[in-house]
């Protein structure tokens, strides 16, 4: 799906399909759309990288944890079925 390279850049269409099918409200925000437009125009790059400070790491980990917990909560039954089908 993505080109073979050290830092594969997924095609814009793939990103749009995944984001449009996701119920995550982050993908519906104007700020995200601006980032997507920039990606379409400039590709994958980092204009000004951010250093990951302990505070920033904690913030991003809390966002990830909240989204993961919400996903598990919403899909608990489905995850249980998958778990039982594997064993």
N, C-alpha and C. Protein backbone atom coordinates (compact mmCIF):
# COMPACT_ATOMS: atom_id res chain seq x y z
N UNK A 1 0.81 -1.20 0.00
CA UNK A 1 0.00 0.00 0.00
C UNK A 1 0.86 1.27 0.00
N UNK A 2 1.97 1.21 0.69
CA UNK A 2 2.84 2.38 0.71
C UNK A 2 4.13 2.05 -0.04
N UNK A 3 4.77 3.06 -0.61
CA UNK A 3 6.01 2.81 -1.35
C UNK A 3 7.09 2.24 -0.43
N UNK A 4 7.96 1.41 -0.98
CA UNK A 4 9.07 0.85 -0.20
C UNK A 4 10.17 1.90 -0.10
N UNK A 5 10.31 2.46 1.07
CA UNK A 5 11.36 3.43 1.33
C UNK A 5 11.58 3.48 2.84
N UNK A 6 12.68 4.09 3.30
CA UNK A 6 12.92 4.15 4.74
C UNK A 6 11.79 4.87 5.49
N UNK A 7 11.22 5.88 4.86
CA UNK A 7 10.12 6.63 5.46
C UNK A 7 8.97 6.65 4.46
N UNK A 8 8.19 5.57 4.40
CA UNK A 8 7.13 5.48 3.38
C UNK A 8 6.08 6.57 3.55
N UNK A 9 5.74 7.18 2.45
CA UNK A 9 4.75 8.26 2.43
C UNK A 9 3.46 7.68 1.85
N UNK A 10 2.45 7.47 2.67
CA UNK A 10 1.22 6.87 2.15
C UNK A 10 0.55 7.79 1.13
N UNK A 11 -0.09 7.22 0.13
CA UNK A 11 -0.78 8.04 -0.87
C UNK A 11 -1.91 8.84 -0.22
N UNK A 12 -2.13 10.02 -0.73
CA UNK A 12 -3.16 10.90 -0.19
C UNK A 12 -4.53 10.23 -0.22
N UNK A 13 -4.83 9.51 -1.28
CA UNK A 13 -6.13 8.84 -1.38
C UNK A 13 -6.32 7.83 -0.25
N UNK A 14 -5.29 7.09 0.09
CA UNK A 14 -5.37 6.12 1.18
C UNK A 14 -5.67 6.83 2.50
N UNK A 15 -5.00 7.93 2.76
CA UNK A 15 -5.22 8.69 3.99
C UNK A 15 -6.66 9.19 4.03
N UNK A 16 -7.14 9.75 2.91
CA UNK A 16 -8.51 10.26 2.87
C UNK A 16 -9.54 9.17 3.11
N UNK A 17 -9.34 8.00 2.50
CA UNK A 17 -10.29 6.89 2.67
C UNK A 17 -10.35 6.46 4.13
N UNK A 18 -9.20 6.31 4.74
CA UNK A 18 -9.15 5.88 6.15
C UNK A 18 -9.78 6.93 7.05
N UNK A 19 -9.43 8.18 6.85
CA UNK A 19 -9.93 9.24 7.72
C UNK A 19 -11.43 9.48 7.53
N UNK A 20 -11.91 9.38 6.30
CA UNK A 20 -13.33 9.57 6.05
C UNK A 20 -14.17 8.44 6.62
N UNK A 21 -13.60 7.25 6.73
CA UNK A 21 -14.36 6.12 7.27
C UNK A 21 -14.25 6.03 8.79
N UNK A 22 -13.39 6.83 9.38
CA UNK A 22 -13.19 6.78 10.83
C UNK A 22 -14.22 7.65 11.55
N UNK A 23 -14.73 7.17 12.68
CA UNK A 23 -15.65 8.00 13.47
C UNK A 23 -14.91 9.01 14.35
N UNK A 24 -13.58 8.99 14.33
CA UNK A 24 -12.79 9.89 15.17
C UNK A 24 -13.06 11.35 14.78
N UNK A 25 -13.53 12.17 15.71
CA UNK A 25 -13.85 13.57 15.39
C UNK A 25 -12.63 14.42 15.04
N UNK A 26 -11.44 13.95 15.39
CA UNK A 26 -10.22 14.70 15.07
C UNK A 26 -10.07 14.89 13.56
N UNK A 27 -10.53 13.91 12.78
CA UNK A 27 -10.39 13.97 11.33
C UNK A 27 -11.39 14.91 10.67
N UNK A 28 -12.36 15.40 11.42
CA UNK A 28 -13.39 16.28 10.86
C UNK A 28 -13.08 17.77 11.10
N UNK A 29 -12.04 18.03 11.87
CA UNK A 29 -11.72 19.41 12.25
C UNK A 29 -11.04 20.17 11.11
N UNK A 30 -11.23 21.49 11.10
CA UNK A 30 -10.62 22.33 10.07
C UNK A 30 -9.10 22.26 10.12
N UNK A 31 -8.55 22.18 11.33
CA UNK A 31 -7.09 22.12 11.47
C UNK A 31 -6.55 20.88 10.78
N UNK A 32 -7.23 19.75 10.93
CA UNK A 32 -6.78 18.52 10.28
C UNK A 32 -6.86 18.67 8.77
N UNK A 33 -7.92 19.30 8.29
CA UNK A 33 -8.08 19.50 6.85
C UNK A 33 -6.95 20.37 6.29
N UNK A 34 -6.52 21.38 7.06
CA UNK A 34 -5.38 22.20 6.64
C UNK A 34 -4.12 21.35 6.53
N UNK A 35 -3.91 20.47 7.50
CA UNK A 35 -2.74 19.59 7.45
C UNK A 35 -2.81 18.66 6.24
N UNK A 36 -4.00 18.17 5.95
CA UNK A 36 -4.18 17.28 4.81
C UNK A 36 -3.92 18.03 3.49
N UNK A 37 -4.38 19.26 3.40
CA UNK A 37 -4.11 20.08 2.21
C UNK A 37 -2.61 20.31 2.04
N UNK A 38 -1.94 20.56 3.15
CA UNK A 38 -0.49 20.77 3.12
C UNK A 38 0.22 19.48 2.69
N UNK A 39 -0.26 18.35 3.16
CA UNK A 39 0.31 17.06 2.77
C UNK A 39 0.13 16.83 1.27
N UNK A 40 -1.04 17.19 0.76
CA UNK A 40 -1.30 17.04 -0.68
C UNK A 40 -0.36 17.92 -1.50
N UNK A 41 -0.10 19.10 -0.98
CA UNK A 41 0.74 20.06 -1.70
C UNK A 41 2.24 19.74 -1.57
N UNK A 42 2.69 19.42 -0.33
CA UNK A 42 4.13 19.33 -0.06
C UNK A 42 4.64 17.92 0.25
N UNK A 43 3.73 16.99 0.45
CA UNK A 43 4.17 15.65 0.83
C UNK A 43 4.54 15.58 2.30
N UNK A 44 5.26 14.54 2.64
CA UNK A 44 5.63 14.29 4.03
C UNK A 44 6.94 15.00 4.34
N UNK A 45 6.91 15.87 5.31
CA UNK A 45 8.13 16.56 5.72
C UNK A 45 7.91 17.15 7.11
N UNK A 46 8.96 17.58 7.70
CA UNK A 46 8.87 18.20 9.02
C UNK A 46 9.55 19.56 8.94
N UNK A 47 8.74 20.60 8.92
CA UNK A 47 9.27 21.96 8.80
C UNK A 47 10.06 22.34 10.05
N UNK A 48 9.47 22.08 11.19
CA UNK A 48 10.13 22.42 12.45
C UNK A 48 9.84 21.31 13.45
N UNK A 49 10.76 20.35 13.58
CA UNK A 49 10.49 19.23 14.49
C UNK A 49 10.36 19.68 15.94
N UNK A 50 9.50 18.99 16.66
CA UNK A 50 9.32 19.28 18.09
C UNK A 50 10.13 18.28 18.90
N UNK A 51 10.78 18.79 19.88
CA UNK A 51 11.49 17.88 20.79
C UNK A 51 10.45 17.27 21.72
N UNK A 52 10.59 16.00 21.93
CA UNK A 52 9.65 15.32 22.81
C UNK A 52 10.14 15.49 24.25
N UNK A 53 9.52 16.42 24.93
CA UNK A 53 9.83 16.65 26.34
C UNK A 53 9.01 15.66 27.17
N UNK A 54 9.38 15.47 28.42
CA UNK A 54 8.59 14.57 29.27
C UNK A 54 7.11 15.00 29.35
N UNK A 55 6.86 16.31 29.38
CA UNK A 55 5.48 16.80 29.44
C UNK A 55 4.73 16.49 28.14
N UNK A 56 5.39 16.71 27.00
CA UNK A 56 4.76 16.44 25.71
C UNK A 56 4.52 14.94 25.53
N UNK A 57 5.48 14.12 25.95
CA UNK A 57 5.32 12.67 25.87
C UNK A 57 4.10 12.24 26.69
N UNK A 58 3.99 12.78 27.91
CA UNK A 58 2.87 12.46 28.79
C UNK A 58 1.54 12.87 28.13
N UNK A 59 1.51 14.03 27.51
CA UNK A 59 0.31 14.53 26.83
C UNK A 59 -0.10 13.59 25.68
N UNK A 60 0.84 13.25 24.82
CA UNK A 60 0.53 12.37 23.68
C UNK A 60 0.14 10.97 24.14
N UNK A 61 0.79 10.48 25.17
CA UNK A 61 0.42 9.16 25.70
C UNK A 61 -0.98 9.19 26.30
N UNK A 62 -1.36 10.29 26.92
CA UNK A 62 -2.72 10.38 27.49
C UNK A 62 -3.77 10.40 26.38
N UNK A 63 -3.48 11.09 25.28
CA UNK A 63 -4.41 11.10 24.14
C UNK A 63 -4.54 9.69 23.58
N UNK A 64 -3.42 9.03 23.38
CA UNK A 64 -3.44 7.67 22.85
C UNK A 64 -4.22 6.73 23.76
N UNK A 65 -3.98 6.85 25.07
CA UNK A 65 -4.66 5.99 26.04
C UNK A 65 -6.17 6.22 26.01
N UNK A 66 -6.60 7.49 25.97
CA UNK A 66 -8.04 7.80 25.93
C UNK A 66 -8.69 7.24 24.67
N UNK A 67 -8.03 7.40 23.53
CA UNK A 67 -8.59 6.89 22.27
C UNK A 67 -8.63 5.36 22.27
N UNK A 68 -7.61 4.72 22.82
CA UNK A 68 -7.59 3.26 22.88
C UNK A 68 -8.69 2.76 23.81
N UNK A 69 -8.86 3.39 24.96
CA UNK A 69 -9.91 2.97 25.89
C UNK A 69 -11.29 3.15 25.27
N UNK A 70 -11.50 4.25 24.57
CA UNK A 70 -12.79 4.48 23.91
C UNK A 70 -13.03 3.42 22.84
N UNK A 71 -12.01 3.09 22.09
CA UNK A 71 -12.14 2.06 21.05
C UNK A 71 -12.50 0.72 21.67
N UNK A 72 -11.81 0.34 22.72
CA UNK A 72 -12.07 -0.95 23.37
C UNK A 72 -13.48 -0.96 23.95
N UNK A 73 -13.89 0.14 24.58
CA UNK A 73 -15.24 0.23 25.14
C UNK A 73 -16.30 0.04 24.06
N UNK A 74 -16.12 0.72 22.93
CA UNK A 74 -17.11 0.65 21.84
C UNK A 74 -17.12 -0.71 21.15
N UNK A 75 -15.98 -1.39 21.14
CA UNK A 75 -15.85 -2.64 20.39
C UNK A 75 -15.61 -3.85 21.28
N UNK A 76 -16.01 -3.76 22.54
CA UNK A 76 -15.72 -4.84 23.49
C UNK A 76 -16.28 -6.18 23.03
N UNK A 77 -17.52 -6.20 22.59
CA UNK A 77 -18.13 -7.45 22.15
C UNK A 77 -17.39 -8.04 20.94
N UNK A 78 -17.11 -7.19 20.00
CA UNK A 78 -16.40 -7.63 18.79
C UNK A 78 -15.00 -8.16 19.12
N UNK A 79 -14.31 -7.49 20.03
CA UNK A 79 -12.97 -7.92 20.44
C UNK A 79 -13.04 -9.28 21.15
N UNK A 80 -14.06 -9.47 21.97
CA UNK A 80 -14.23 -10.76 22.64
C UNK A 80 -14.45 -11.88 21.63
N UNK A 81 -15.27 -11.61 20.61
CA UNK A 81 -15.52 -12.61 19.58
C UNK A 81 -14.24 -12.96 18.83
N UNK A 82 -13.45 -11.95 18.53
CA UNK A 82 -12.19 -12.19 17.83
C UNK A 82 -11.23 -13.00 18.72
N UNK A 83 -11.22 -12.68 19.99
CA UNK A 83 -10.35 -13.37 20.93
C UNK A 83 -10.71 -14.86 21.01
N UNK A 84 -12.02 -15.15 21.05
CA UNK A 84 -12.48 -16.53 21.15
C UNK A 84 -12.28 -17.29 19.84
N UNK A 85 -12.33 -16.59 18.72
CA UNK A 85 -12.16 -17.27 17.44
C UNK A 85 -10.71 -17.68 17.20
N UNK A 86 -9.79 -17.00 17.84
CA UNK A 86 -8.35 -17.30 17.70
C UNK A 86 -7.98 -18.52 18.53
N UNK A 87 -8.59 -18.65 19.70
CA UNK A 87 -8.24 -19.77 20.59
C UNK A 87 -8.95 -21.05 20.23
